[in-house]
Structures are given as C-alpha cells and as structure tokens.
C-alpha cells in the first residue's frame, strides 16, 4: 500500500509522461497482432501481444523512478552580460538506490545531457543561458527529461525552481579605452622598463607594440611594463560619457573589463558614489552597474 500510494503521488503530481513517435509503432504492432489473433486464433500471437503490452506498461514505473529522486541545487555561474551566452552550474544528486540513465536537463533555451548518475552520487551539470537585458534576474525554471527505459515515451519533471537570482551586467559595448584620452600609456612606466608582453588592445599606440614578437610570429603583442606608477588611476565619469544611460553603462562595462585585463587601476564616478578598483572587486563594481 505504501509503494502504491507513492507511485500514485509520483504519477499524478511530480513526474509526467508524453508519447514519442515510437509509441504509435507500438500501437500499430499491437493492432496488427490483434487482427492476426482474431482471424487465426494463434496462441503464440496472444502471448506476444501480452508480452509487448506488459513490457511497454511496466516501463512507466521505471521511467518515473528514474527522474523522481533527483535533487537540484545551484552551485555557481559565470559572468552574465546582457545579450551574451554564459553558463551556470547545478549540483545534481541521485537519492535513489538505483542509477538514473539518459537524462536531459533543459531550461527554456538550451539542453545539457547526462548519461548516467549512480546511486547517491552527485554530478555537476553546466547549462548555458542568455538574458537580453541587464539587472537582477532569476535563473530559469528547469526540466528534467528522460526516455529511459524504452523510447516509446519520455518522462519529465518540469517547472523546477532553482531559487537563485544573478546579476546580469550591461553589455560591454563602445570604444576601447586605449583609443581615448582617458588612457595615458606614459603612466605605465618607461618604454625600456618592461618585463614581458601581453595581448595588444585595439586603439593602443603603435609605440607599445613588441616588434620582435610581430616579426617572429606575426602576432600583435604589447609590452608589459615592470613598473607602474602606484598613483596612476584612470578616472571614469558616468555623466561625461556621450549617449543615454544604457550606452554609458555598456561603455563603462567595456572599460572596466579592459582595465581588469591589463591590471590598470580606475575609479568610476556615478551619481553620488565613487567606485574604486583598489577598494572593491570587479564583480561588485559590475554588479552595481548591472543594478543601476
């Protein structure tokens, strides 16, 4: 009685099913076998009919148990920028004494498969997603789907809430910091005082190019300086950027990422607050821009 009650609960409230194209093949096979049994009264045909019907029917229990005992928890996410695809990670736990097979984890845009998760095992699933606008956004609801054990129907749990919000940062758009007057390469140090090379950024002066690397490999690389003036801070003012507020936020986001990639200190003056890179993390600064 206990297991019957649990099965009814699983069937009616949690795990749902839908037929696939192979379902109609099973129906057609049973119909043809029925006609053969009716016209010729062959016992073997009745046995085959019963076998197919029982196997197809009993797969429903296995299919529902296959997805019912899976728990989902949020782990972490990459940086999300408006209009760009990023991903987040979920921890999947199998709380059943049997393995789960042929799983698919689906949000409303993308699908990630997982072949097997063993009894009481935990696995990490990474799902891509993208948001069209910035701001604090909830992660999308999740569907867990499987065609195990037979492909004539699939079983699924839908509308699983992750109960986690993330901040979507503004899209990094605009002109490069290195092509503006805000960046003064002389603040980095003397031209002769460099310890290595780094990726060349669009807009940088050609005097920063490491010509030996260009001649050897054909790649544009910039000099990485040994000394950087500790007092040099790039000052970025929100209201001095041309355009509407959304473009200003996108431009600031691009400059923040460029400063991070090149190890440059900066400050942002936005309304009545000043965001300083040596006092705040890049994530916190981008989050404030995303929530603006």
C-alpha atoms as a PDB file:
ATOM      1  CA  UNK A   1       0.000   0.000   0.000  1.00  0.00           C
ATOM      2  CA  UNK A   2       2.849   2.374   0.863  1.00  0.00           C
ATOM      3  CA  UNK A   3       4.522   1.872  -2.523  1.00  0.00           C
ATOM      4  CA  UNK A   4       1.218   2.107  -4.375  1.00  0.00           C
ATOM      5  CA  UNK A   5       0.494   5.423  -2.689  1.00  0.00           C
ATOM      6  CA  UNK A   6       3.968   6.702  -3.582  1.00  0.00           C
ATOM      7  CA  UNK A   7       3.553   5.623  -7.210  1.00  0.00           C
ATOM      8  CA  UNK A   8       0.190   7.417  -7.466  1.00  0.00           C
ATOM      9  CA  UNK A   9       1.744  10.543  -5.991  1.00  0.00           C
ATOM     10  CA  UNK A  10       4.677  10.393  -8.414  1.00  0.00           C
ATOM     11  CA  UNK A  11       2.390   9.820 -11.393  1.00  0.00           C
ATOM     12  CA  UNK A  12      -0.201  12.474 -10.612  1.00  0.00           C
ATOM     13  CA  UNK A  13       1.815  15.314  -9.083  1.00  0.00           C
ATOM     14  CA  UNK A  14       5.517  15.098  -9.914  1.00  0.00           C
ATOM     15  CA  UNK A  15       6.545  13.033 -12.928  1.00  0.00           C
ATOM     16  CA  UNK A  16       4.654  13.375 -16.204  1.00  0.00           C
ATOM     17  CA  UNK A  17       4.956  11.479 -19.478  1.00  0.00           C
ATOM     18  CA  UNK A  18       4.376  12.035 -23.159  1.00  0.00           C
ATOM     19  CA  UNK A  19       4.399   9.614 -26.093  1.00  0.00           C
ATOM     20  CA  UNK A  20       7.095   9.748 -28.742  1.00  0.00           C
ATOM     21  CA  UNK A  21       6.842   8.723 -32.391  1.00  0.00           C
ATOM     22  CA  UNK A  22       7.724   5.161 -31.372  1.00  0.00           C
ATOM     23  CA  UNK A  23       4.566   4.989 -29.279  1.00  0.00           C
ATOM     24  CA  UNK A  24       2.485   4.807 -32.456  1.00  0.00           C
ATOM     25  CA  UNK A  25       4.701   1.991 -33.707  1.00  0.00           C
ATOM     26  CA  UNK A  26       3.814   0.027 -30.541  1.00  0.00           C
ATOM     27  CA  UNK A  27       0.103   0.755 -31.052  1.00  0.00           C
ATOM     28  CA  UNK A  28       0.282  -0.320 -34.693  1.00  0.00           C
ATOM     29  CA  UNK A  29       2.120  -3.528 -33.756  1.00  0.00           C
ATOM     30  CA  UNK A  30      -0.494  -4.414 -31.139  1.00  0.00           C
ATOM     31  CA  UNK A  31      -3.312  -3.721 -33.621  1.00  0.00           C
ATOM     32  CA  UNK A  32      -1.751  -5.950 -36.289  1.00  0.00           C
ATOM     33  CA  UNK A  33      -1.142  -8.717 -33.773  1.00  0.00           C
ATOM     34  CA  UNK A  34      -4.727  -8.420 -32.568  1.00  0.00           C
ATOM     35  CA  UNK A  35      -6.026  -8.876 -36.125  1.00  0.00           C
ATOM     36  CA  UNK A  36      -3.809 -11.928 -36.576  1.00  0.00           C
ATOM     37  CA  UNK A  37      -5.000 -13.410 -33.278  1.00  0.00           C
ATOM     38  CA  UNK A  38      -8.653 -12.682 -34.087  1.00  0.00           C
ATOM     39  CA  UNK A  39      -8.546 -14.224 -37.564  1.00  0.00           C
ATOM     40  CA  UNK A  40      -6.294 -17.222 -36.933  1.00  0.00           C
ATOM     41  CA  UNK A  41      -6.647 -17.775 -33.186  1.00  0.00           C
ATOM     42  CA  UNK A  42      -2.926 -18.379 -32.708  1.00  0.00           C
ATOM     43  CA  UNK A  43      -1.959 -18.672 -29.056  1.00  0.00           C
ATOM     44  CA  UNK A  44       1.576 -17.516 -29.778  1.00  0.00           C
ATOM     45  CA  UNK A  45       0.192 -14.239 -31.103  1.00  0.00           C
ATOM     46  CA  UNK A  46      -1.726 -13.670 -27.871  1.00  0.00           C
ATOM     47  CA  UNK A  47       1.463 -14.345 -25.906  1.00  0.00           C
ATOM     48  CA  UNK A  48       3.447 -11.860 -28.000  1.00  0.00           C
ATOM     49  CA  UNK A  49       0.682  -9.265 -27.589  1.00  0.00           C
ATOM     50  CA  UNK A  50       0.676  -9.724 -23.837  1.00  0.00           C
ATOM     51  CA  UNK A  51       4.482  -9.554 -23.714  1.00  0.00           C
ATOM     52  CA  UNK A  52       4.630  -6.268 -25.671  1.00  0.00           C
ATOM     53  CA  UNK A  53       1.803  -4.719 -23.659  1.00  0.00           C
ATOM     54  CA  UNK A  54       3.295  -5.714 -20.292  1.00  0.00           C
ATOM     55  CA  UNK A  55       6.816  -4.510 -21.183  1.00  0.00           C
ATOM     56  CA  UNK A  56       5.519  -1.175 -22.507  1.00  0.00           C
ATOM     57  CA  UNK A  57       3.310  -0.688 -19.468  1.00  0.00           C
ATOM     58  CA  UNK A  58       5.840  -1.675 -16.806  1.00  0.00           C
ATOM     59  CA  UNK A  59       8.428   0.705 -18.250  1.00  0.00           C
ATOM     60  CA  UNK A  60       6.303   3.527 -16.886  1.00  0.00           C
ATOM     61  CA  UNK A  61       7.257   2.740 -13.300  1.00  0.00           C
ATOM     62  CA  UNK A  62      10.980   2.538 -14.074  1.00  0.00           C
ATOM     63  CA  UNK A  63      10.835   5.712 -16.135  1.00  0.00           C
ATOM     64  CA  UNK A  64       9.176   7.687 -13.361  1.00  0.00           C
ATOM     65  CA  UNK A  65      11.540   6.437 -10.665  1.00  0.00           C
ATOM     66  CA  UNK A  66      14.425   7.307 -12.976  1.00  0.00           C
ATOM     67  CA  UNK A  67      13.791  11.060 -12.597  1.00  0.00           C
ATOM     68  CA  UNK A  68      11.785  11.324  -9.377  1.00  0.00           C
ATOM     69  CA  UNK A  69      14.627  11.068  -6.846  1.00  0.00           C
ATOM     70  CA  UNK A  70      16.911  13.665  -8.426  1.00  0.00           C
ATOM     71  CA  UNK A  71      17.586  16.816  -6.405  1.00  0.00           C
ATOM     72  CA  UNK A  72      18.863  20.033  -7.950  1.00  0.00           C
ATOM     73  CA  UNK A  73      20.894  22.747  -6.207  1.00  0.00           C
ATOM     74  CA  UNK A  74      22.595  25.882  -7.524  1.00  0.00           C
ATOM     75  CA  UNK A  75      26.411  25.930  -7.408  1.00  0.00           C
ATOM     76  CA  UNK A  76      27.849  28.907  -9.277  1.00  0.00           C
ATOM     77  CA  UNK A  77      27.708  30.867 -12.502  1.00  0.00           C
ATOM     78  CA  UNK A  78      29.955  32.634 -14.946  1.00  0.00           C
ATOM     79  CA  UNK A  79      29.662  36.355 -15.532  1.00  0.00           C
ATOM     80  CA  UNK A  80      26.458  37.110 -17.412  1.00  0.00           C
ATOM     81  CA  UNK A  81      26.410  40.088 -19.781  1.00  0.00           C
ATOM     82  CA  UNK A  82      23.239  41.266 -21.494  1.00  0.00           C
ATOM     83  CA  UNK A  83      22.867  39.719 -24.936  1.00  0.00           C
ATOM     84  CA  UNK A  84      25.703  37.197 -24.455  1.00  0.00           C
ATOM     85  CA  UNK A  85      25.524  33.475 -23.719  1.00  0.00           C
ATOM     86  CA  UNK A  86      27.081  32.389 -20.421  1.00  0.00           C
ATOM     87  CA  UNK A  87      26.508  29.367 -18.219  1.00  0.00           C
ATOM     88  CA  UNK A  88      25.647  28.358 -14.686  1.00  0.00           C
ATOM     89  CA  UNK A  89      26.358  25.145 -12.785  1.00  0.00           C
ATOM     90  CA  UNK A  90      23.904  22.927 -10.927  1.00  0.00           C
ATOM     91  CA  UNK A  91      24.644  20.103  -8.490  1.00  0.00           C
ATOM     92  CA  UNK A  92      22.534  17.031  -9.268  1.00  0.00           C
ATOM     93  CA  UNK A  93      22.086  14.449  -6.510  1.00  0.00           C
ATOM     94  CA  UNK A  94      20.606  10.990  -7.029  1.00  0.00           C
ATOM     95  CA  UNK A  95      18.865   9.992  -3.788  1.00  0.00           C
ATOM     96  CA  UNK A  96      17.748   6.592  -5.039  1.00  0.00           C
ATOM     97  CA  UNK A  97      19.330   3.144  -4.658  1.00  0.00           C
ATOM     98  CA  UNK A  98      19.385   2.661  -8.437  1.00  0.00           C
ATOM     99  CA  UNK A  99      21.205   4.604 -11.132  1.00  0.00           C
ATOM    100  CA  UNK A 100      19.453   7.134 -13.335  1.00  0.00           C
ATOM    101  CA  UNK A 101      20.044   6.997 -17.084  1.00  0.00           C
ATOM    102  CA  UNK A 102      19.648   9.047 -20.284  1.00  0.00           C
ATOM    103  CA  UNK A 103      18.925  12.329 -18.532  1.00  0.00           C
ATOM    104  CA  UNK A 104      18.455  15.716 -20.153  1.00  0.00           C
ATOM    105  CA  UNK A 105      18.447  18.988 -18.220  1.00  0.00           C
ATOM    106  CA  UNK A 106      16.581  21.715 -20.077  1.00  0.00           C
ATOM    107  CA  UNK A 107      15.927  25.392 -19.462  1.00  0.00           C
ATOM    108  CA  UNK A 108      13.773  27.359 -21.885  1.00  0.00           C
ATOM    109  CA  UNK A 109      16.693  27.893 -24.302  1.00  0.00           C
ATOM    110  CA  UNK A 110      19.293  25.112 -24.020  1.00  0.00           C
ATOM    111  CA  UNK A 111      19.709  21.422 -23.209  1.00  0.00           C
ATOM    112  CA  UNK A 112      22.532  19.566 -21.434  1.00  0.00           C
ATOM    113  CA  UNK A 113      22.603  15.722 -21.449  1.00  0.00           C
ATOM    114  CA  UNK A 114      23.841  13.490 -18.635  1.00  0.00           C
ATOM    115  CA  UNK A 115      24.302   9.813 -19.495  1.00  0.00           C
ATOM    116  CA  UNK A 116      24.330   8.242 -16.018  1.00  0.00           C
ATOM    117  CA  UNK A 117      24.322   9.207 -12.370  1.00  0.00           C
ATOM    118  CA  UNK A 118      24.946   6.379  -9.920  1.00  0.00           C
ATOM    119  CA  UNK A 119      23.061   5.729  -6.656  1.00  0.00           C
ATOM    120  CA  UNK A 120      23.637   8.510  -4.096  1.00  0.00           C
ATOM    121  CA  UNK A 121      26.134  10.147  -6.445  1.00  0.00           C
ATOM    122  CA  UNK A 122      26.464  13.870  -7.142  1.00  0.00           C
ATOM    123  CA  UNK A 123      27.333  15.358 -10.506  1.00  0.00           C
ATOM    124  CA  UNK A 124      27.726  18.874 -11.831  1.00  0.00           C
ATOM    125  CA  UNK A 125      25.704  19.954 -14.856  1.00  0.00           C
ATOM    126  CA  UNK A 126      26.558  23.153 -16.728  1.00  0.00           C
ATOM    127  CA  UNK A 127      23.719  24.874 -18.556  1.00  0.00           C
ATOM    128  CA  UNK A 128      24.132  27.795 -20.968  1.00  0.00           C
ATOM    129  CA  UNK A 129      21.669  30.686 -20.958  1.00  0.00           C
ATOM    130  CA  UNK A 130      21.415  34.311 -22.031  1.00  0.00           C
ATOM    131  CA  UNK A 131      19.469  37.362 -20.961  1.00  0.00           C
ATOM    132  CA  UNK A 132      18.569  40.213 -23.287  1.00  0.00           C
ATOM    133  CA  UNK A 133      18.628  42.936 -20.627  1.00  0.00           C
ATOM    134  CA  UNK A 134      20.764  43.761 -17.601  1.00  0.00           C
ATOM    135  CA  UNK A 135      19.647  43.713 -13.961  1.00  0.00           C
ATOM    136  CA  UNK A 136      18.961  41.171 -11.250  1.00  0.00           C
ATOM    137  CA  UNK A 137      17.343  38.146 -12.849  1.00  0.00           C
ATOM    138  CA  UNK A 138      16.121  34.757 -11.575  1.00  0.00           C
ATOM    139  CA  UNK A 139      17.603  31.638 -13.095  1.00  0.00           C
ATOM    140  CA  UNK A 140      15.093  29.937 -15.405  1.00  0.00           C
ATOM    141  CA  UNK A 141      12.994  27.001 -14.312  1.00  0.00           C
ATOM    142  CA  UNK A 142      14.412  23.586 -15.097  1.00  0.00           C
ATOM    143  CA  UNK A 143      13.012  20.477 -16.757  1.00  0.00           C
ATOM    144  CA  UNK A 144      14.494  17.010 -16.216  1.00  0.00           C
ATOM    145  CA  UNK A 145      13.657  14.638 -19.071  1.00  0.00           C
ATOM    146  CA  UNK A 146      14.486  11.004 -19.878  1.00  0.00           C
ATOM    147  CA  UNK A 147      13.465   8.342 -22.406  1.00  0.00           C
ATOM    148  CA  UNK A 148      14.687   5.510 -20.152  1.00  0.00           C
ATOM    149  CA  UNK A 149      13.949   2.582 -20.213  1.00  0.00           C
ATOM    150  CA  UNK A 150      12.146   2.460 -23.607  1.00  0.00           C
ATOM    151  CA  UNK A 151      11.921   5.169 -26.255  1.00  0.00           C
ATOM    152  CA  UNK A 152       8.172   4.968 -26.889  1.00  0.00           C
ATOM    153  CA  UNK A 153       7.523   7.649 -24.241  1.00  0.00           C
ATOM    154  CA  UNK A 154       9.564  10.125 -22.254  1.00  0.00           C
ATOM    155  CA  UNK A 155       9.199  11.065 -18.610  1.00  0.00           C
ATOM    156  CA  UNK A 156       9.834  14.511 -17.238  1.00  0.00           C
ATOM    157  CA  UNK A 157       9.654  16.827 -14.273  1.00  0.00           C
ATOM    158  CA  UNK A 158       9.079  20.433 -15.254  1.00  0.00           C
ATOM    159  CA  UNK A 159       8.880  23.853 -13.600  1.00  0.00           C
ATOM    160  CA  UNK A 160      11.665  23.052 -11.135  1.00  0.00           C
ATOM    161  CA  UNK A 161      12.607  26.314  -9.411  1.00  0.00           C
ATOM    162  CA  UNK A 162      16.325  26.909  -8.828  1.00  0.00           C
ATOM    163  CA  UNK A 163      15.519  29.696  -6.327  1.00  0.00           C
ATOM    164  CA  UNK A 164      18.591  31.709  -7.252  1.00  0.00           C
ATOM    165  CA  UNK A 165      18.986  35.193  -8.707  1.00  0.00           C
ATOM    166  CA  UNK A 166      22.027  36.513 -10.526  1.00  0.00           C
ATOM    167  CA  UNK A 167      23.072  39.967 -11.674  1.00  0.00           C
ATOM    168  CA  UNK A 168      23.270  40.396 -15.429  1.00  0.00           C
ATOM    169  CA  UNK A 169      25.905  43.005 -16.262  1.00  0.00           C
ATOM    170  CA  UNK A 170      25.495  45.590 -19.034  1.00  0.00           C
ATOM    171  CA  UNK A 171      26.696  44.521 -22.472  1.00  0.00           C
ATOM    172  CA  UNK A 172      30.350  45.602 -22.939  1.00  0.00           C
ATOM    173  CA  UNK A 173      29.998  47.955 -25.899  1.00  0.00           C
ATOM    174  CA  UNK A 174      31.536  51.187 -27.118  1.00  0.00           C
ATOM    175  CA  UNK A 175      35.028  52.418 -27.959  1.00  0.00           C
ATOM    176  CA  UNK A 176      38.161  50.933 -26.457  1.00  0.00           C
ATOM    177  CA  UNK A 177      39.685  52.734 -23.504  1.00  0.00           C
ATOM    178  CA  UNK A 178      43.050  52.638 -25.273  1.00  0.00           C
ATOM    179  CA  UNK A 179      41.750  54.775 -28.128  1.00  0.00           C
ATOM    180  CA  UNK A 180      40.560  57.567 -25.794  1.00  0.00           C
ATOM    181  CA  UNK A 181      42.355  60.372 -23.977  1.00  0.00           C
ATOM    182  CA  UNK A 182      41.432  58.754 -20.656  1.00  0.00           C
ATOM    183  CA  UNK A 183      44.335  56.321 -21.020  1.00  0.00           C
ATOM    184  CA  UNK A 184      47.871  57.686 -20.880  1.00  0.00           C
ATOM    185  CA  UNK A 185      50.425  54.963 -21.671  1.00  0.00           C
ATOM    186  CA  UNK A 186      53.211  57.055 -20.112  1.00  0.00           C
ATOM    187  CA  UNK A 187      51.740  56.297 -16.683  1.00  0.00           C
ATOM    188  CA  UNK A 188      52.725  52.657 -17.096  1.00  0.00           C
ATOM    189  CA  UNK A 189      56.447  53.319 -16.882  1.00  0.00           C
ATOM    190  CA  UNK A 190      59.435  53.903 -19.094  1.00  0.00           C
ATOM    191  CA  UNK A 191      59.318  52.268 -22.509  1.00  0.00           C
ATOM    192  CA  UNK A 192      62.524  50.385 -21.755  1.00  0.00           C
ATOM    193  CA  UNK A 193      61.297  49.079 -18.392  1.00  0.00           C
ATOM    194  CA  UNK A 194      59.146  46.134 -19.440  1.00  0.00           C
ATOM    195  CA  UNK A 195      59.262  42.556 -18.196  1.00  0.00           C
ATOM    196  CA  UNK A 196      57.216  40.735 -20.803  1.00  0.00           C
ATOM    197  CA  UNK A 197      54.468  41.010 -23.358  1.00  0.00           C
ATOM    198  CA  UNK A 198      50.672  40.903 -23.318  1.00  0.00           C
ATOM    199  CA  UNK A 199      47.808  40.919 -25.799  1.00  0.00           C
ATOM    200  CA  UNK A 200      47.602  44.052 -27.960  1.00  0.00           C
ATOM    201  CA  UNK A 201      44.395  46.043 -27.461  1.00  0.00           C
ATOM    202  CA  UNK A 202      42.674  47.855 -30.300  1.00  0.00           C
ATOM    203  CA  UNK A 203      43.390  51.567 -30.120  1.00  0.00           C
ATOM    204  CA  UNK A 204      46.753  51.310 -28.380  1.00  0.00           C
ATOM    205  CA  UNK A 205      49.642  53.361 -29.708  1.00  0.00           C
ATOM    206  CA  UNK A 206      51.966  51.564 -32.119  1.00  0.00           C
ATOM    207  CA  UNK A 207      54.840  52.567 -29.837  1.00  0.00           C
ATOM    208  CA  UNK A 208      53.537  49.926 -27.415  1.00  0.00           C
ATOM    209  CA  UNK A 209      53.899  47.077 -29.951  1.00  0.00           C
ATOM    210  CA  UNK A 210      56.600  44.497 -29.256  1.00  0.00           C
ATOM    211  CA  UNK A 211      58.005  44.393 -32.765  1.00  0.00           C
ATOM    212  CA  UNK A 212      60.246  41.369 -32.196  1.00  0.00           C
ATOM    213  CA  UNK A 213      57.214  39.169 -31.492  1.00  0.00           C
ATOM    214  CA  UNK A 214      55.396  40.569 -34.525  1.00  0.00           C
ATOM    215  CA  UNK A 215      58.365  39.790 -36.782  1.00  0.00           C
ATOM    216  CA  UNK A 216      58.785  36.278 -35.355  1.00  0.00           C
ATOM    217  CA  UNK A 217      55.206  35.027 -35.087  1.00  0.00           C
ATOM    218  CA  UNK A 218      53.061  37.618 -36.836  1.00  0.00           C
ATOM    219  CA  UNK A 219      51.084  38.297 -33.656  1.00  0.00           C
ATOM    220  CA  UNK A 220      50.419  41.798 -32.326  1.00  0.00           C
ATOM    221  CA  UNK A 221      51.607  41.901 -28.715  1.00  0.00           C
ATOM    222  CA  UNK A 222      52.159  44.862 -26.374  1.00  0.00           C
ATOM    223  CA  UNK A 223      54.931  45.477 -23.897  1.00  0.00           C
ATOM    224  CA  UNK A 224      54.128  44.627 -20.294  1.00  0.00           C
ATOM    225  CA  UNK A 225      55.836  47.089 -18.003  1.00  0.00           C
ATOM    226  CA  UNK A 226      57.913  46.201 -14.988  1.00  0.00           C
ATOM    227  CA  UNK A 227      56.960  49.380 -13.169  1.00  0.00           C
ATOM    228  CA  UNK A 228      53.620  51.067 -12.894  1.00  0.00           C
ATOM    229  CA  UNK A 229      53.017  54.360 -11.175  1.00  0.00           C
ATOM    230  CA  UNK A 230      51.133  53.476  -7.992  1.00  0.00           C
ATOM    231  CA  UNK A 231      49.381  56.844  -8.055  1.00  0.00           C
ATOM    232  CA  UNK A 232      48.038  56.464 -11.604  1.00  0.00           C
ATOM    233  CA  UNK A 233      44.291  55.911 -11.570  1.00  0.00           C
ATOM    234  CA  UNK A 234      42.090  56.172 -14.648  1.00  0.00           C
ATOM    235  CA  UNK A 235      39.135  58.389 -13.792  1.00  0.00           C
ATOM    236  CA  UNK A 236      35.858  57.413 -15.450  1.00  0.00           C
ATOM    237  CA  UNK A 237      32.869  59.746 -15.063  1.00  0.00           C
ATOM    238  CA  UNK A 238      29.431  58.383 -15.908  1.00  0.00           C
ATOM    239  CA  UNK A 239      27.832  61.702 -16.923  1.00  0.00           C
ATOM    240  CA  UNK A 240      30.757  62.708 -19.147  1.00  0.00           C
ATOM    241  CA  UNK A 241      30.123  59.781 -21.499  1.00  0.00           C
ATOM    242  CA  UNK A 242      28.044  60.713 -24.535  1.00  0.00           C
ATOM    243  CA  UNK A 243      24.798  58.832 -25.095  1.00  0.00           C
ATOM    244  CA  UNK A 244      21.898  57.607 -22.986  1.00  0.00           C
ATOM    245  CA  UNK A 245      22.250  55.848 -19.664  1.00  0.00           C
ATOM    246  CA  UNK A 246      22.192  52.351 -21.171  1.00  0.00           C
ATOM    247  CA  UNK A 247      25.028  53.177 -23.550  1.00  0.00           C
ATOM    248  CA  UNK A 248      27.010  54.799 -20.728  1.00  0.00           C
ATOM    249  CA  UNK A 249      26.662  51.654 -18.629  1.00  0.00           C
ATOM    250  CA  UNK A 250      27.767  49.486 -21.565  1.00  0.00           C
ATOM    251  CA  UNK A 251      30.749  51.756 -22.210  1.00  0.00           C
ATOM    252  CA  UNK A 252      31.789  51.677 -18.558  1.00  0.00           C
ATOM    253  CA  UNK A 253      31.493  47.887 -18.532  1.00  0.00           C
ATOM    254  CA  UNK A 254      33.828  47.623 -21.522  1.00  0.00           C
ATOM    255  CA  UNK A 255      36.369  49.917 -19.867  1.00  0.00           C
ATOM    256  CA  UNK A 256      36.177  48.015 -16.565  1.00  0.00           C
ATOM    257  CA  UNK A 257      36.939  44.743 -18.369  1.00  0.00           C
ATOM    258  CA  UNK A 258      39.842  46.317 -20.245  1.00  0.00           C
ATOM    259  CA  UNK A 259      41.284  47.710 -17.015  1.00  0.00           C
ATOM    260  CA  UNK A 260      40.932  44.319 -15.355  1.00  0.00           C
ATOM    261  CA  UNK A 261      42.634  42.525 -18.241  1.00  0.00           C
ATOM    262  CA  UNK A 262      45.575  44.933 -18.209  1.00  0.00           C
ATOM    263  CA  UNK A 263      45.946  45.443 -14.471  1.00  0.00           C
ATOM    264  CA  UNK A 264      45.009  49.137 -14.536  1.00  0.00           C
ATOM    265  CA  UNK A 265      43.613  50.992 -11.545  1.00  0.00           C
ATOM    266  CA  UNK A 266      40.464  53.009 -12.126  1.00  0.00           C
ATOM    267  CA  UNK A 267      37.667  54.852 -10.410  1.00  0.00           C
ATOM    268  CA  UNK A 268      34.100  55.409 -11.583  1.00  0.00           C
ATOM    269  CA  UNK A 269      32.085  58.447 -10.562  1.00  0.00           C
ATOM    270  CA  UNK A 270      28.420  57.600 -10.985  1.00  0.00           C
ATOM    271  CA  UNK A 271      25.782  59.859  -9.474  1.00  0.00           C
ATOM    272  CA  UNK A 272      26.767  60.401  -5.835  1.00  0.00           C
ATOM    273  CA  UNK A 273      29.148  57.488  -5.385  1.00  0.00           C
ATOM    274  CA  UNK A 274      32.683  56.640  -6.396  1.00  0.00           C
ATOM    275  CA  UNK A 275      33.649  53.073  -7.243  1.00  0.00           C
ATOM    276  CA  UNK A 276      37.364  52.445  -6.801  1.00  0.00           C
ATOM    277  CA  UNK A 277      39.038  49.329  -8.163  1.00  0.00           C
ATOM    278  CA  UNK A 278      41.559  49.101  -5.321  1.00  0.00           C
ATOM    279  CA  UNK A 279      38.750  49.057  -2.740  1.00  0.00           C
ATOM    280  CA  UNK A 280      36.116  46.959  -4.492  1.00  0.00           C
ATOM    281  CA  UNK A 281      36.171  43.745  -6.513  1.00  0.00           C
ATOM    282  CA  UNK A 282      35.459  43.846 -10.237  1.00  0.00           C
ATOM    283  CA  UNK A 283      32.405  41.659  -9.617  1.00  0.00           C
ATOM    284  CA  UNK A 284      30.971  44.166  -7.113  1.00  0.00           C
ATOM    285  CA  UNK A 285      31.588  47.061  -9.493  1.00  0.00           C
ATOM    286  CA  UNK A 286      29.946  45.272 -12.418  1.00  0.00           C
ATOM    287  CA  UNK A 287      27.044  44.283 -10.160  1.00  0.00           C
ATOM    288  CA  UNK A 288      26.421  47.917  -9.246  1.00  0.00           C
ATOM    289  CA  UNK A 289      26.411  48.828 -12.927  1.00  0.00           C
ATOM    290  CA  UNK A 290      24.031  45.945 -13.650  1.00  0.00           C
ATOM    291  CA  UNK A 291      21.596  47.029 -10.945  1.00  0.00           C
ATOM    292  CA  UNK A 292      21.761  50.734 -11.841  1.00  0.00           C
END
